[in-house]
N, C-alpha and C. Protein backbone atom coordinates (compact mmCIF):
# COMPACT_ATOMS: atom_id res chain seq x y z
N MET A 1 8.32 30.76 -19.97
CA MET A 1 7.03 29.88 -20.28
C MET A 1 7.51 28.15 -20.12
N THR A 2 6.76 27.76 -19.45
CA THR A 2 6.94 26.02 -19.09
C THR A 2 6.29 25.40 -20.18
N ILE A 3 6.98 24.18 -20.61
CA ILE A 3 6.13 23.33 -21.41
C ILE A 3 5.43 22.43 -20.60
N GLU A 4 4.36 22.06 -21.17
CA GLU A 4 3.07 21.36 -20.43
C GLU A 4 3.65 19.85 -20.46
N ASN A 5 3.51 19.03 -19.26
CA ASN A 5 3.96 17.75 -19.23
C ASN A 5 2.81 16.83 -18.89
N LYS A 6 3.25 15.53 -18.75
CA LYS A 6 2.12 14.49 -18.64
C LYS A 6 1.68 14.63 -17.22
N LEU A 7 2.29 15.18 -16.21
CA LEU A 7 2.20 15.27 -14.78
C LEU A 7 1.12 16.50 -14.59
N GLY A 8 1.18 17.47 -15.46
CA GLY A 8 0.46 18.61 -15.34
C GLY A 8 1.07 19.65 -14.36
N ILE A 9 2.49 19.51 -13.91
CA ILE A 9 3.08 20.14 -13.20
C ILE A 9 3.87 21.50 -13.92
N THR A 10 3.53 22.60 -13.35
CA THR A 10 4.19 23.82 -13.96
C THR A 10 5.26 24.24 -13.37
N ASP A 11 5.40 23.97 -12.09
CA ASP A 11 6.81 24.44 -11.24
C ASP A 11 7.97 23.48 -11.60
N ALA A 12 8.89 24.14 -11.99
CA ALA A 12 10.12 23.42 -12.61
C ALA A 12 10.97 22.60 -11.38
N THR A 13 10.79 23.23 -10.12
CA THR A 13 11.34 22.49 -9.07
C THR A 13 10.60 21.18 -8.72
N GLU A 14 9.33 21.27 -8.75
CA GLU A 14 8.48 20.19 -8.44
C GLU A 14 8.31 19.17 -9.47
N LEU A 15 8.40 19.54 -10.72
CA LEU A 15 8.56 18.61 -11.84
C LEU A 15 9.96 17.75 -11.69
N ALA A 16 10.97 18.63 -11.46
CA ALA A 16 12.39 17.72 -11.45
C ALA A 16 12.14 16.64 -10.19
N ARG A 17 11.50 17.12 -8.88
CA ARG A 17 11.43 16.17 -8.04
C ARG A 17 10.58 15.02 -8.29
N GLN A 18 9.86 15.14 -8.91
CA GLN A 18 8.82 14.26 -9.29
C GLN A 18 9.33 13.10 -10.37
N GLU A 19 10.09 13.60 -11.51
CA GLU A 19 10.78 12.82 -12.18
C GLU A 19 11.92 12.05 -11.50
N GLU A 20 12.56 12.89 -10.68
CA GLU A 20 13.51 11.96 -9.90
C GLU A 20 12.81 10.70 -9.40
N ARG A 21 11.76 10.96 -8.63
CA ARG A 21 11.20 9.91 -7.97
C ARG A 21 10.70 8.84 -8.75
N LEU A 22 10.09 9.13 -9.90
CA LEU A 22 9.78 8.16 -10.89
C LEU A 22 10.87 7.39 -11.51
N THR A 23 12.10 8.00 -11.93
CA THR A 23 13.10 7.38 -12.36
C THR A 23 13.69 6.35 -11.30
N LYS A 24 13.75 6.77 -9.98
CA LYS A 24 14.13 5.97 -8.94
C LYS A 24 13.15 4.73 -8.84
N ARG A 25 11.90 4.77 -9.01
CA ARG A 25 11.11 3.85 -8.71
C ARG A 25 11.05 2.74 -9.88
N ARG A 26 11.27 3.29 -11.33
CA ARG A 26 11.34 2.43 -12.39
C ARG A 26 12.78 1.65 -12.27
N ALA A 27 13.83 2.28 -11.67
CA ALA A 27 14.88 1.56 -11.57
C ALA A 27 15.07 0.48 -10.50
N LYS A 28 14.30 0.78 -9.46
CA LYS A 28 14.18 -0.33 -8.21
C LYS A 28 13.41 -1.55 -8.99
N ASN A 29 12.26 -1.21 -9.65
CA ASN A 29 11.45 -2.36 -10.23
C ASN A 29 12.28 -3.11 -11.37
N TYR A 30 13.18 -2.45 -11.98
CA TYR A 30 14.18 -3.22 -12.86
C TYR A 30 14.93 -4.06 -12.25
N LEU A 31 15.36 -3.59 -11.24
CA LEU A 31 16.33 -4.19 -10.46
C LEU A 31 15.71 -5.47 -9.46
N LYS A 32 14.75 -5.12 -9.21
CA LYS A 32 13.73 -6.43 -8.43
C LYS A 32 13.17 -7.47 -9.49
N ALA A 33 13.09 -7.06 -10.74
CA ALA A 33 12.99 -8.19 -11.73
C ALA A 33 14.14 -9.18 -12.14
N GLU A 34 15.13 -8.54 -11.82
CA GLU A 34 16.69 -9.32 -12.00
C GLU A 34 16.87 -9.46 -13.46
N ASN A 35 16.58 -8.26 -14.24
CA ASN A 35 16.80 -8.31 -15.61
C ASN A 35 18.30 -8.24 -15.74
N LEU A 36 19.01 -7.78 -14.72
CA LEU A 36 20.42 -7.49 -14.85
C LEU A 36 21.33 -8.92 -15.14
N LYS A 37 20.63 -9.98 -14.57
CA LYS A 37 21.27 -11.25 -14.75
C LYS A 37 21.19 -11.87 -16.16
N ASN A 38 20.26 -11.37 -17.09
CA ASN A 38 20.13 -11.82 -18.29
C ASN A 38 20.95 -11.22 -19.33
N LEU A 39 21.62 -9.93 -18.91
CA LEU A 39 22.68 -9.32 -19.85
C LEU A 39 24.03 -9.84 -19.70
N LYS A 40 24.63 -9.79 -20.86
CA LYS A 40 26.05 -10.12 -21.17
C LYS A 40 27.07 -9.07 -20.80
N TRP A 41 27.93 -9.24 -20.23
CA TRP A 41 28.79 -7.96 -19.84
C TRP A 41 30.08 -8.38 -20.48
N ALA A 42 30.80 -7.27 -20.78
CA ALA A 42 32.11 -7.23 -21.56
C ALA A 42 33.18 -6.46 -20.99
N LEU A 43 34.25 -7.02 -20.91
CA LEU A 43 35.25 -6.26 -20.16
C LEU A 43 36.28 -5.69 -21.59
N PHE A 44 36.79 -4.47 -21.20
CA PHE A 44 37.43 -3.83 -22.26
C PHE A 44 38.79 -3.54 -21.56
N GLU A 45 40.01 -3.73 -22.25
CA GLU A 45 41.26 -3.39 -21.78
C GLU A 45 41.81 -2.27 -22.52
N VAL A 46 42.47 -1.45 -21.93
CA VAL A 46 42.90 -0.19 -22.53
C VAL A 46 44.43 -0.42 -22.78
C-alpha cells in the first residue's frame, strides 16, 4: 500500500524522481538568493 502524497503520484519510482527534482530546484533557488552569505561559519578543531 502506498501513502497518498501531495503530488498524487502512486508509483514509488516516479515519486522519488519528482521529489529529487523539487529538492534540486529549491536548493538552486536558495543559492541564487545568496542566503549563504548571511550565515556565520564556525571552524572546529579536533
